[in-house]
């Protein structure tokens, strides 16, 4: 935890980190920074603090863009694999889709 004498810690944001945890950490650090600035305005220079937060947001945005690219590539591979399976096993795919539809209908519909 930061005291009014310690500057906020900087952590490098990596694409393999959980994006929501990174965002929560960034918000917590921003809140702590605002609290410290309000408590003792001589401890931080506001311009430097805002610039540091802006850098963190840019880094987070870049990391989330990298994660989105990875997810896009993985989903594209999954779509190609599913397409290949359906082309190789058309009747099996139809039977699986029918079974899934029946199961979902039974779960959602239920008996009243």
PDB file of N, CA and C in Angstrom:
ATOM      1  N   UNK A   1       0.849  -1.175   0.000  1.00  0.00           N
ATOM      2  CA  UNK A   1       0.000   0.000   0.000  1.00  0.00           C
ATOM      3  C   UNK A   1       0.892   1.235   0.000  1.00  0.00           C
ATOM      4  N   UNK A   2       0.471   2.243  -0.712  1.00  0.00           N
ATOM      5  CA  UNK A   2       1.261   3.464  -0.819  1.00  0.00           C
ATOM      6  C   UNK A   2       1.032   4.367   0.381  1.00  0.00           C
ATOM      7  N   UNK A   3       2.106   4.996   0.830  1.00  0.00           N
ATOM      8  CA  UNK A   3       1.966   6.054   1.813  1.00  0.00           C
ATOM      9  C   UNK A   3       2.088   7.357   1.066  1.00  0.00           C
ATOM     10  N   UNK A   4       1.883   8.455   1.739  1.00  0.00           N
ATOM     11  CA  UNK A   4       1.926   9.731   1.038  1.00  0.00           C
ATOM     12  C   UNK A   4       3.338  10.075   0.577  1.00  0.00           C
ATOM     13  N   UNK A   5       4.390   9.365   1.086  1.00  0.00           N
ATOM     14  CA  UNK A   5       5.765   9.637   0.676  1.00  0.00           C
ATOM     15  C   UNK A   5       6.215   8.758  -0.489  1.00  0.00           C
ATOM     16  N   UNK A   6       5.501   7.663  -0.769  1.00  0.00           N
ATOM     17  CA  UNK A   6       5.918   6.735  -1.808  1.00  0.00           C
ATOM     18  C   UNK A   6       5.172   7.026  -3.102  1.00  0.00           C
ATOM     19  N   UNK A   7       5.891   7.066  -4.239  1.00  0.00           N
ATOM     20  CA  UNK A   7       5.185   7.215  -5.520  1.00  0.00           C
ATOM     21  C   UNK A   7       4.463   5.927  -5.857  1.00  0.00           C
ATOM     22  N   UNK A   8       3.425   5.985  -6.678  1.00  0.00           N
ATOM     23  CA  UNK A   8       2.714   4.761  -7.030  1.00  0.00           C
ATOM     24  C   UNK A   8       3.629   3.816  -7.800  1.00  0.00           C
ATOM     25  N   UNK A   9       3.482   2.512  -7.526  1.00  0.00           N
ATOM     26  CA  UNK A   9       4.307   1.519  -8.206  1.00  0.00           C
ATOM     27  C   UNK A   9       3.865   1.391  -9.652  1.00  0.00           C
ATOM     28  N   UNK A  10       4.824   1.112 -10.514  1.00  0.00           N
ATOM     29  CA  UNK A  10       4.515   0.864 -11.915  1.00  0.00           C
ATOM     30  C   UNK A  10       4.747  -0.608 -12.198  1.00  0.00           C
ATOM     31  N   UNK A  11       3.776  -1.221 -12.839  1.00  0.00           N
ATOM     32  CA  UNK A  11       3.931  -2.611 -13.256  1.00  0.00           C
ATOM     33  C   UNK A  11       3.784  -2.645 -14.767  1.00  0.00           C
ATOM     34  N   UNK A  12       4.588  -3.457 -15.387  1.00  0.00           N
ATOM     35  CA  UNK A  12       4.484  -3.619 -16.832  1.00  0.00           C
ATOM     36  C   UNK A  12       3.249  -4.466 -17.116  1.00  0.00           C
ATOM     37  N   UNK A  13       2.418  -4.017 -18.018  1.00  0.00           N
ATOM     38  CA  UNK A  13       1.202  -4.740 -18.375  1.00  0.00           C
ATOM     39  C   UNK A  13       1.545  -5.719 -19.489  1.00  0.00           C
ATOM     40  N   UNK A  14       1.238  -6.999 -19.259  1.00  0.00           N
ATOM     41  CA  UNK A  14       1.523  -8.025 -20.250  1.00  0.00           C
ATOM     42  C   UNK A  14       0.224  -8.505 -20.859  1.00  0.00           C
ATOM     43  N   UNK A  15       0.305  -8.936 -22.110  1.00  0.00           N
ATOM     44  CA  UNK A  15      -0.883  -9.402 -22.820  1.00  0.00           C
ATOM     45  C   UNK A  15      -1.440 -10.677 -22.215  1.00  0.00           C
ATOM     46  N   UNK A  16      -0.598 -11.469 -21.523  1.00  0.00           N
ATOM     47  CA  UNK A  16      -1.096 -12.719 -20.960  1.00  0.00           C
ATOM     48  C   UNK A  16      -1.704 -12.538 -19.572  1.00  0.00           C
ATOM     49  N   UNK A  17      -1.667 -11.321 -19.017  1.00  0.00           N
ATOM     50  CA  UNK A  17      -2.329 -11.054 -17.738  1.00  0.00           C
ATOM     51  C   UNK A  17      -3.831 -10.973 -17.958  1.00  0.00           C
ATOM     52  N   UNK A  18      -4.573 -11.187 -16.921  1.00  0.00           N
ATOM     53  CA  UNK A  18      -6.021 -11.053 -16.987  1.00  0.00           C
ATOM     54  C   UNK A  18      -6.360  -9.581 -17.123  1.00  0.00           C
ATOM     55  N   UNK A  19      -7.060  -9.217 -18.191  1.00  0.00           N
ATOM     56  CA  UNK A  19      -7.372  -7.815 -18.471  1.00  0.00           C
ATOM     57  C   UNK A  19      -8.207  -7.167 -17.391  1.00  0.00           C
ATOM     58  N   UNK A  20      -9.159  -7.907 -16.833  1.00  0.00           N
ATOM     59  CA  UNK A  20     -10.004  -7.318 -15.803  1.00  0.00           C
ATOM     60  C   UNK A  20      -9.217  -7.064 -14.523  1.00  0.00           C
ATOM     61  N   UNK A  21      -8.280  -7.944 -14.211  1.00  0.00           N
ATOM     62  CA  UNK A  21      -7.441  -7.730 -13.029  1.00  0.00           C
ATOM     63  C   UNK A  21      -6.534  -6.524 -13.234  1.00  0.00           C
ATOM     64  N   UNK A  22      -6.029  -6.351 -14.444  1.00  0.00           N
ATOM     65  CA  UNK A  22      -5.191  -5.192 -14.754  1.00  0.00           C
ATOM     66  C   UNK A  22      -5.994  -3.907 -14.614  1.00  0.00           C
ATOM     67  N   UNK A  23      -7.213  -3.917 -15.145  1.00  0.00           N
ATOM     68  CA  UNK A  23      -8.045  -2.727 -15.064  1.00  0.00           C
ATOM     69  C   UNK A  23      -8.396  -2.411 -13.616  1.00  0.00           C
ATOM     70  N   UNK A  24      -8.737  -3.422 -12.827  1.00  0.00           N
ATOM     71  CA  UNK A  24      -9.055  -3.202 -11.413  1.00  0.00           C
ATOM     72  C   UNK A  24      -7.844  -2.645 -10.670  1.00  0.00           C
ATOM     73  N   UNK A  25      -6.666  -3.180 -10.965  1.00  0.00           N
ATOM     74  CA  UNK A  25      -5.440  -2.689 -10.337  1.00  0.00           C
ATOM     75  C   UNK A  25      -5.195  -1.234 -10.704  1.00  0.00           C
ATOM     76  N   UNK A  26      -5.408  -0.904 -11.965  1.00  0.00           N
ATOM     77  CA  UNK A  26      -5.208   0.465 -12.428  1.00  0.00           C
ATOM     78  C   UNK A  26      -6.186   1.424 -11.752  1.00  0.00           C
ATOM     79  N   UNK A  27      -7.425   1.007 -11.617  1.00  0.00           N
ATOM     80  CA  UNK A  27      -8.427   1.847 -10.952  1.00  0.00           C
ATOM     81  C   UNK A  27      -8.066   2.034  -9.484  1.00  0.00           C
ATOM     82  N   UNK A  28      -7.637   0.963  -8.827  1.00  0.00           N
ATOM     83  CA  UNK A  28      -7.228   1.072  -7.421  1.00  0.00           C
ATOM     84  C   UNK A  28      -6.049   2.020  -7.249  1.00  0.00           C
ATOM     85  N   UNK A  29      -5.076   1.917  -8.153  1.00  0.00           N
ATOM     86  CA  UNK A  29      -3.928   2.817  -8.071  1.00  0.00           C
ATOM     87  C   UNK A  29      -4.345   4.264  -8.313  1.00  0.00           C
ATOM     88  N   UNK A  30      -5.275   4.479  -9.229  1.00  0.00           N
ATOM     89  CA  UNK A  30      -5.776   5.826  -9.478  1.00  0.00           C
ATOM     90  C   UNK A  30      -6.491   6.399  -8.261  1.00  0.00           C
ATOM     91  N   UNK A  31      -7.290   5.562  -7.621  1.00  0.00           N
ATOM     92  CA  UNK A  31      -7.984   6.015  -6.406  1.00  0.00           C
ATOM     93  C   UNK A  31      -6.992   6.354  -5.298  1.00  0.00           C
ATOM     94  N   UNK A  32      -5.990   5.485  -5.115  1.00  0.00           N
ATOM     95  CA  UNK A  32      -4.977   5.743  -4.085  1.00  0.00           C
ATOM     96  C   UNK A  32      -4.217   7.021  -4.399  1.00  0.00           C
ATOM     97  N   UNK A  33      -3.923   7.237  -5.671  1.00  0.00           N
ATOM     98  CA  UNK A  33      -3.215   8.441  -6.074  1.00  0.00           C
ATOM     99  C   UNK A  33      -4.051   9.681  -5.783  1.00  0.00           C
ATOM    100  N   UNK A  34      -5.333   9.630  -6.127  1.00  0.00           N
ATOM    101  CA  UNK A  34      -6.204  10.784  -5.860  1.00  0.00           C
ATOM    102  C   UNK A  34      -6.311  11.036  -4.359  1.00  0.00           C
ATOM    103  N   UNK A  35      -6.402   9.968  -3.574  1.00  0.00           N
ATOM    104  CA  UNK A  35      -6.480  10.120  -2.124  1.00  0.00           C
ATOM    105  C   UNK A  35      -5.214  10.774  -1.584  1.00  0.00           C
ATOM    106  N   UNK A  36      -4.062  10.299  -2.053  1.00  0.00           N
ATOM    107  CA  UNK A  36      -2.792  10.846  -1.583  1.00  0.00           C
ATOM    108  C   UNK A  36      -2.604  12.298  -2.007  1.00  0.00           C
ATOM    109  N   UNK A  37      -3.038  12.628  -3.224  1.00  0.00           N
ATOM    110  CA  UNK A  37      -2.912  14.016  -3.689  1.00  0.00           C
ATOM    111  C   UNK A  37      -3.820  14.915  -2.855  1.00  0.00           C
ATOM    112  N   UNK A  38      -5.015  14.436  -2.559  1.00  0.00           N
ATOM    113  CA  UNK A  38      -5.936  15.242  -1.760  1.00  0.00           C
ATOM    114  C   UNK A  38      -5.429  15.387  -0.327  1.00  0.00           C
ATOM    115  N   UNK A  39      -4.807  14.336   0.211  1.00  0.00           N
ATOM    116  CA  UNK A  39      -4.333  14.377   1.592  1.00  0.00           C
ATOM    117  C   UNK A  39      -3.102  15.268   1.747  1.00  0.00           C
ATOM    118  N   UNK A  40      -2.194  15.198   0.799  1.00  0.00           N
ATOM    119  CA  UNK A  40      -0.958  15.965   0.917  1.00  0.00           C
ATOM    120  C   UNK A  40      -0.513  16.369  -0.485  1.00  0.00           C
ATOM    121  N   UNK A  41      -0.901  17.546  -0.910  1.00  0.00           N
ATOM    122  CA  UNK A  41      -0.617  17.973  -2.275  1.00  0.00           C
ATOM    123  C   UNK A  41       0.867  18.169  -2.532  1.00  0.00           C
ATOM    124  N   UNK A  42       1.703  18.268  -1.500  1.00  0.00           N
ATOM    125  CA  UNK A  42       3.134  18.422  -1.726  1.00  0.00           C
ATOM    126  C   UNK A  42       3.816  17.095  -2.016  1.00  0.00           C
ATOM    127  N   UNK A  43       3.137  15.963  -1.768  1.00  0.00           N
ATOM    128  CA  UNK A  43       3.760  14.656  -1.961  1.00  0.00           C
ATOM    129  C   UNK A  43       3.878  14.298  -3.442  1.00  0.00           C
ATOM    130  N   UNK A  44       2.979  14.768  -4.277  1.00  0.00           N
ATOM    131  CA  UNK A  44       2.975  14.437  -5.695  1.00  0.00           C
ATOM    132  C   UNK A  44       2.797  15.699  -6.518  1.00  0.00           C
ATOM    133  N   UNK A  45       3.385  15.653  -7.658  1.00  0.00           N
ATOM    134  CA  UNK A  45       3.082  16.708  -8.617  1.00  0.00           C
ATOM    135  C   UNK A  45       1.972  16.175  -9.491  1.00  0.00           C
ATOM    136  N   UNK A  46       0.879  16.880  -9.539  1.00  0.00           N
ATOM    137  CA  UNK A  46      -0.324  16.396 -10.203  1.00  0.00           C
ATOM    138  C   UNK A  46      -0.080  16.093 -11.682  1.00  0.00           C
ATOM    139  N   UNK A  47       0.668  16.927 -12.364  1.00  0.00           N
ATOM    140  CA  UNK A  47       0.910  16.702 -13.790  1.00  0.00           C
ATOM    141  C   UNK A  47       1.634  15.384 -14.031  1.00  0.00           C
ATOM    142  N   UNK A  48       2.641  15.092 -13.209  1.00  0.00           N
ATOM    143  CA  UNK A  48       3.376  13.834 -13.357  1.00  0.00           C
ATOM    144  C   UNK A  48       2.474  12.644 -13.065  1.00  0.00           C
ATOM    145  N   UNK A  49       1.612  12.779 -12.078  1.00  0.00           N
ATOM    146  CA  UNK A  49       0.716  11.689 -11.711  1.00  0.00           C
ATOM    147  C   UNK A  49      -0.290  11.413 -12.821  1.00  0.00           C
ATOM    148  N   UNK A  50      -0.840  12.470 -13.389  1.00  0.00           N
ATOM    149  CA  UNK A  50      -1.800  12.301 -14.483  1.00  0.00           C
ATOM    150  C   UNK A  50      -1.105  11.689 -15.692  1.00  0.00           C
ATOM    151  N   UNK A  51       0.105  12.124 -15.975  1.00  0.00           N
ATOM    152  CA  UNK A  51       0.854  11.561 -17.099  1.00  0.00           C
ATOM    153  C   UNK A  51       1.142  10.080 -16.869  1.00  0.00           C
ATOM    154  N   UNK A  52       1.474   9.711 -15.640  1.00  0.00           N
ATOM    155  CA  UNK A  52       1.736   8.303 -15.327  1.00  0.00           C
ATOM    156  C   UNK A  52       0.480   7.460 -15.507  1.00  0.00           C
ATOM    157  N   UNK A  53      -0.650   7.969 -15.058  1.00  0.00           N
ATOM    158  CA  UNK A  53      -1.911   7.242 -15.238  1.00  0.00           C
ATOM    159  C   UNK A  53      -2.264   7.130 -16.719  1.00  0.00           C
ATOM    160  N   UNK A  54      -2.032   8.185 -17.463  1.00  0.00           N
ATOM    161  CA  UNK A  54      -2.307   8.159 -18.899  1.00  0.00           C
ATOM    162  C   UNK A  54      -1.442   7.096 -19.582  1.00  0.00           C
ATOM    163  N   UNK A  55      -0.168   7.000 -19.181  1.00  0.00           N
ATOM    164  CA  UNK A  55       0.714   5.968 -19.731  1.00  0.00           C
ATOM    165  C   UNK A  55       0.196   4.579 -19.411  1.00  0.00           C
ATOM    166  N   UNK A  56      -0.291   4.396 -18.191  1.00  0.00           N
ATOM    167  CA  UNK A  56      -0.831   3.090 -17.801  1.00  0.00           C
ATOM    168  C   UNK A  56      -2.061   2.735 -18.618  1.00  0.00           C
ATOM    169  N   UNK A  57      -2.947   3.715 -18.855  1.00  0.00           N
ATOM    170  CA  UNK A  57      -4.137   3.451 -19.655  1.00  0.00           C
ATOM    171  C   UNK A  57      -3.761   3.094 -21.099  1.00  0.00           C
ATOM    172  N   UNK A  58      -2.782   3.770 -21.650  1.00  0.00           N
ATOM    173  CA  UNK A  58      -2.328   3.461 -23.000  1.00  0.00           C
ATOM    174  C   UNK A  58      -1.735   2.057 -23.049  1.00  0.00           C
ATOM    175  N   UNK A  59      -0.931   1.702 -22.042  1.00  0.00           N
ATOM    176  CA  UNK A  59      -0.354   0.367 -21.980  1.00  0.00           C
ATOM    177  C   UNK A  59      -1.443  -0.695 -21.844  1.00  0.00           C
ATOM    178  N   UNK A  60      -2.453  -0.421 -21.029  1.00  0.00           N
ATOM    179  CA  UNK A  60      -3.568  -1.354 -20.873  1.00  0.00           C
ATOM    180  C   UNK A  60      -4.325  -1.497 -22.185  1.00  0.00           C
ATOM    181  N   UNK A  61      -4.538  -0.397 -22.867  1.00  0.00           N
ATOM    182  CA  UNK A  61      -5.239  -0.431 -24.149  1.00  0.00           C
ATOM    183  C   UNK A  61      -4.450  -1.266 -25.162  1.00  0.00           C
ATOM    184  N   UNK A  62      -3.134  -1.106 -25.200  1.00  0.00           N
ATOM    185  CA  UNK A  62      -2.299  -1.901 -26.099  1.00  0.00           C
ATOM    186  C   UNK A  62      -2.362  -3.379 -25.749  1.00  0.00           C
ATOM    187  N   UNK A  63      -2.321  -3.684 -24.453  1.00  0.00           N
ATOM    188  CA  UNK A  63      -2.383  -5.085 -24.015  1.00  0.00           C
ATOM    189  C   UNK A  63      -3.729  -5.705 -24.381  1.00  0.00           C
ATOM    190  N   UNK A  64      -4.799  -4.968 -24.211  1.00  0.00           N
ATOM    191  CA  UNK A  64      -6.120  -5.489 -24.566  1.00  0.00           C
ATOM    192  C   UNK A  64      -6.246  -5.679 -26.071  1.00  0.00           C
ATOM    193  N   UNK A  65      -5.615  -4.823 -26.859  1.00  0.00           N
ATOM    194  CA  UNK A  65      -5.618  -4.995 -28.313  1.00  0.00           C
ATOM    195  C   UNK A  65      -4.875  -6.265 -28.694  1.00  0.00           C
ATOM    196  N   UNK A  66      -3.753  -6.545 -28.025  1.00  0.00           N
ATOM    197  CA  UNK A  66      -3.008  -7.773 -28.285  1.00  0.00           C
ATOM    198  C   UNK A  66      -3.838  -9.000 -27.924  1.00  0.00           C
ATOM    199  N   UNK A  67      -4.537  -8.931 -26.787  1.00  0.00           N
ATOM    200  CA  UNK A  67      -5.392 -10.047 -26.369  1.00  0.00           C
ATOM    201  C   UNK A  67      -6.512 -10.252 -27.392  1.00  0.00           C
ATOM    202  N   UNK A  68      -7.086  -9.167 -27.881  1.00  0.00           N
ATOM    203  CA  UNK A  68      -8.148  -9.280 -28.883  1.00  0.00           C
ATOM    204  C   UNK A  68      -7.631  -9.929 -30.163  1.00  0.00           C
ATOM    205  N   UNK A  69      -6.398  -9.605 -30.550  1.00  0.00           N
ATOM    206  CA  UNK A  69      -5.806 -10.231 -31.731  1.00  0.00           C
ATOM    207  C   UNK A  69      -5.626 -11.735 -31.525  1.00  0.00           C
ATOM    208  N   UNK A  70      -5.139 -12.116 -30.352  1.00  0.00           N
ATOM    209  CA  UNK A  70      -4.936 -13.537 -30.055  1.00  0.00           C
ATOM    210  C   UNK A  70      -6.276 -14.266 -30.048  1.00  0.00           C
ATOM    211  N   UNK A  71      -7.283 -13.673 -29.424  1.00  0.00           N
ATOM    212  CA  UNK A  71      -8.606 -14.299 -29.381  1.00  0.00           C
ATOM    213  C   UNK A  71      -9.169 -14.427 -30.794  1.00  0.00           C
ATOM    214  N   UNK A  72      -8.960 -13.413 -31.616  1.00  0.00           N
ATOM    215  CA  UNK A  72      -9.424 -13.469 -32.997  1.00  0.00           C
ATOM    216  C   UNK A  72      -8.774 -14.592 -33.775  1.00  0.00           C
ATOM    217  N   UNK A  73      -7.465 -14.757 -33.602  1.00  0.00           N
ATOM    218  CA  UNK A  73      -6.768 -15.843 -34.301  1.00  0.00           C
ATOM    219  C   UNK A  73      -7.242 -17.206 -33.813  1.00  0.00           C
ATOM    220  N   UNK A  74      -7.418 -17.344 -32.498  1.00  0.00           N
ATOM    221  CA  UNK A  74      -7.872 -18.634 -31.961  1.00  0.00           C
ATOM    222  C   UNK A  74      -9.289 -18.956 -32.423  1.00  0.00           C
ATOM    223  N   UNK A  75     -10.162 -17.952 -32.451  1.00  0.00           N
ATOM    224  CA  UNK A  75     -11.539 -18.209 -32.882  1.00  0.00           C
ATOM    225  C   UNK A  75     -11.572 -18.549 -34.366  1.00  0.00           C
ATOM    226  N   UNK A  76     -10.694 -17.927 -35.152  1.00  0.00           N
ATOM    227  CA  UNK A  76     -10.633 -18.253 -36.576  1.00  0.00           C
ATOM    228  C   UNK A  76     -10.202 -19.710 -36.773  1.00  0.00           C
ATOM    229  N   UNK A  77      -9.216 -20.159 -35.989  1.00  0.00           N
ATOM    230  CA  UNK A  77      -8.789 -21.559 -36.061  1.00  0.00           C
ATOM    231  C   UNK A  77      -9.919 -22.502 -35.655  1.00  0.00           C
ATOM    232  N   UNK A  78     -10.668 -22.126 -34.615  1.00  0.00           N
ATOM    233  CA  UNK A  78     -11.775 -22.975 -34.159  1.00  0.00           C
ATOM    234  C   UNK A  78     -12.862 -23.070 -35.228  1.00  0.00           C
ATOM    235  N   UNK A  79     -13.138 -21.954 -35.897  1.00  0.00           N
ATOM    236  CA  UNK A  79     -14.152 -21.963 -36.959  1.00  0.00           C
ATOM    237  C   UNK A  79     -13.694 -22.860 -38.107  1.00  0.00           C
ATOM    238  N   UNK A  80     -12.407 -22.751 -38.474  1.00  0.00           N
ATOM    239  CA  UNK A  80     -11.892 -23.606 -39.552  1.00  0.00           C
ATOM    240  C   UNK A  80     -11.959 -25.082 -39.163  1.00  0.00           C
ATOM    241  N   UNK A  81     -11.641 -25.394 -37.908  1.00  0.00           N
ATOM    242  CA  UNK A  81     -11.701 -26.788 -37.451  1.00  0.00           C
ATOM    243  C   UNK A  81     -13.131 -27.307 -37.463  1.00  0.00           C
ATOM    244  N   UNK A  82     -14.068 -26.481 -37.015  1.00  0.00           N
ATOM    245  CA  UNK A  82     -15.482 -26.883 -37.019  1.00  0.00           C
ATOM    246  C   UNK A  82     -15.969 -27.075 -38.450  1.00  0.00           C
ATOM    247  N   UNK A  83     -15.575 -26.194 -39.350  1.00  0.00           N
ATOM    248  CA  UNK A  83     -15.968 -26.318 -40.745  1.00  0.00           C
ATOM    249  C   UNK A  83     -15.417 -27.609 -41.345  1.00  0.00           C
ATOM    250  N   UNK A  84     -14.161 -27.917 -41.028  1.00  0.00           N
ATOM    251  CA  UNK A  84     -13.567 -29.159 -41.523  1.00  0.00           C
ATOM    252  C   UNK A  84     -14.284 -30.382 -40.985  1.00  0.00           C
ATOM    253  N   UNK A  85     -14.662 -30.350 -39.707  1.00  0.00           N
ATOM    254  CA  UNK A  85     -15.372 -31.482 -39.105  1.00  0.00           C
ATOM    255  C   UNK A  85     -16.729 -31.681 -39.772  1.00  0.00           C
ATOM    256  N   UNK A  86     -17.450 -30.575 -39.995  1.00  0.00           N
ATOM    257  CA  UNK A  86     -18.782 -30.675 -40.599  1.00  0.00           C
ATOM    258  C   UNK A  86     -18.668 -31.190 -42.034  1.00  0.00           C
ATOM    259  N   UNK A  87     -17.648 -30.752 -42.757  1.00  0.00           N
ATOM    260  CA  UNK A  87     -17.471 -31.224 -44.143  1.00  0.00           C
ATOM    261  C   UNK A  87     -17.095 -32.714 -44.175  1.00  0.00           C
ATOM    262  N   UNK A  88     -16.306 -33.163 -43.202  1.00  0.00           N
ATOM    263  CA  UNK A  88     -15.896 -34.570 -43.160  1.00  0.00           C
ATOM    264  C   UNK A  88     -16.991 -35.480 -42.604  1.00  0.00           C
ATOM    265  N   UNK A  89     -17.816 -34.987 -41.677  1.00  0.00           N
ATOM    266  CA  UNK A  89     -18.860 -35.781 -40.996  1.00  0.00           C
ATOM    267  C   UNK A  89     -20.189 -35.039 -41.019  1.00  0.00           C
ATOM    268  N   UNK A  90     -20.810 -34.881 -42.190  1.00  0.00           N
ATOM    269  CA  UNK A  90     -22.042 -34.075 -42.237  1.00  0.00           C
ATOM    270  C   UNK A  90     -23.183 -34.661 -41.411  1.00  0.00           C
ATOM    271  N   UNK A  91     -23.393 -35.980 -41.461  1.00  0.00           N
ATOM    272  CA  UNK A  91     -24.512 -36.571 -40.723  1.00  0.00           C
ATOM    273  C   UNK A  91     -24.247 -36.567 -39.227  1.00  0.00           C
ATOM    274  N   UNK A  92     -23.017 -36.744 -38.835  1.00  0.00           N
ATOM    275  CA  UNK A  92     -22.682 -36.668 -37.414  1.00  0.00           C
ATOM    276  C   UNK A  92     -22.915 -35.267 -36.868  1.00  0.00           C
ATOM    277  N   UNK A  93     -22.572 -34.258 -37.671  1.00  0.00           N
ATOM    278  CA  UNK A  93     -22.788 -32.873 -37.251  1.00  0.00           C
ATOM    279  C   UNK A  93     -24.282 -32.564 -37.131  1.00  0.00           C
ATOM    280  N   UNK A  94     -25.077 -33.078 -38.058  1.00  0.00           N
ATOM    281  CA  UNK A  94     -26.532 -32.863 -38.004  1.00  0.00           C
ATOM    282  C   UNK A  94     -27.106 -33.528 -36.763  1.00  0.00           C
ATOM    283  N   UNK A  95     -26.665 -34.753 -36.483  1.00  0.00           N
ATOM    284  CA  UNK A  95     -27.170 -35.464 -35.301  1.00  0.00           C
ATOM    285  C   UNK A  95     -26.779 -34.747 -34.012  1.00  0.00           C
ATOM    286  N   UNK A  96     -25.537 -34.245 -33.943  1.00  0.00           N
ATOM    287  CA  UNK A  96     -25.097 -33.521 -32.747  1.00  0.00           C
ATOM    288  C   UNK A  96     -25.870 -32.214 -32.584  1.00  0.00           C
ATOM    289  N   UNK A  97     -26.108 -31.501 -33.678  1.00  0.00           N
ATOM    290  CA  UNK A  97     -26.874 -30.249 -33.598  1.00  0.00           C
ATOM    291  C   UNK A  97     -28.307 -30.525 -33.157  1.00  0.00           C
ATOM    292  N   UNK A  98     -28.900 -31.598 -33.663  1.00  0.00           N
ATOM    293  CA  UNK A  98     -30.266 -31.947 -33.266  1.00  0.00           C
ATOM    294  C   UNK A  98     -30.321 -32.318 -31.789  1.00  0.00           C
ATOM    295  N   UNK A  99     -29.340 -33.101 -31.327  1.00  0.00           N
ATOM    296  CA  UNK A  99     -29.307 -33.489 -29.918  1.00  0.00           C
ATOM    297  C   UNK A  99     -29.125 -32.265 -29.023  1.00  0.00           C
ATOM    298  N   UNK A 100     -28.257 -31.366 -29.423  1.00  0.00           N
ATOM    299  CA  UNK A 100     -28.045 -30.147 -28.645  1.00  0.00           C
ATOM    300  C   UNK A 100     -29.310 -29.292 -28.617  1.00  0.00           C
ATOM    301  N   UNK A 101     -29.966 -29.161 -29.766  1.00  0.00           N
ATOM    302  CA  UNK A 101     -31.212 -28.396 -29.819  1.00  0.00           C
ATOM    303  C   UNK A 101     -32.299 -29.012 -28.950  1.00  0.00           C
ATOM    304  N   UNK A 102     -32.413 -30.342 -28.986  1.00  0.00           N
ATOM    305  CA  UNK A 102     -33.397 -31.031 -28.151  1.00  0.00           C
ATOM    306  C   UNK A 102     -33.096 -30.795 -26.674  1.00  0.00           C
ATOM    307  N   UNK A 103     -31.822 -30.948 -26.292  1.00  0.00           N
ATOM    308  CA  UNK A 103     -31.441 -30.764 -24.879  1.00  0.00           C
ATOM    309  C   UNK A 103     -31.712 -29.344 -24.416  1.00  0.00           C
ATOM    310  N   UNK A 104     -31.333 -28.365 -25.212  1.00  0.00           N
ATOM    311  CA  UNK A 104     -31.582 -26.961 -24.820  1.00  0.00           C
ATOM    312  C   UNK A 104     -33.075 -26.665 -24.748  1.00  0.00           C
ATOM    313  N   UNK A 105     -33.838 -27.185 -25.694  1.00  0.00           N
ATOM    314  CA  UNK A 105     -35.294 -26.994 -25.653  1.00  0.00           C
ATOM    315  C   UNK A 105     -35.921 -27.624 -24.434  1.00  0.00           C
ATOM    316  N   UNK A 106     -35.441 -28.784 -24.067  1.00  0.00           N
ATOM    317  CA  UNK A 106     -35.973 -29.469 -22.897  1.00  0.00           C
ATOM    318  C   UNK A 106     -35.629 -28.708 -21.612  1.00  0.00           C
ATOM    319  N   UNK A 107     -34.375 -28.200 -21.530  1.00  0.00           N
ATOM    320  CA  UNK A 107     -33.950 -27.452 -20.351  1.00  0.00           C
ATOM    321  C   UNK A 107     -34.699 -26.127 -20.245  1.00  0.00           C
ATOM    322  N   UNK A 108     -34.767 -25.387 -21.332  1.00  0.00           N
ATOM    323  CA  UNK A 108     -35.402 -24.070 -21.318  1.00  0.00           C
ATOM    324  C   UNK A 108     -36.917 -24.185 -21.191  1.00  0.00           C
ATOM    325  N   UNK A 109     -37.502 -25.129 -21.929  1.00  0.00           N
ATOM    326  CA  UNK A 109     -38.956 -25.277 -21.923  1.00  0.00           C
ATOM    327  C   UNK A 109     -39.476 -25.825 -20.601  1.00  0.00           C
ATOM    328  N   UNK A 110     -38.865 -26.893 -20.156  1.00  0.00           N
ATOM    329  CA  UNK A 110     -39.274 -27.500 -18.895  1.00  0.00           C
ATOM    330  C   UNK A 110     -40.742 -27.875 -18.902  1.00  0.00           C
ATOM    331  N   UNK A 111     -41.180 -28.540 -17.862  1.00  0.00           N
ATOM    332  CA  UNK A 111     -42.595 -28.880 -17.728  1.00  0.00           C
ATOM    333  C   UNK A 111     -43.254 -27.870 -16.818  1.00  0.00           C
ATOM    334  N   UNK A 112     -44.373 -27.437 -17.219  1.00  0.00           N
ATOM    335  CA  UNK A 112     -45.083 -26.421 -16.428  1.00  0.00           C
ATOM    336  C   UNK A 112     -46.278 -26.998 -15.792  1.00  0.00           C
TER     337      UNK A 112
END
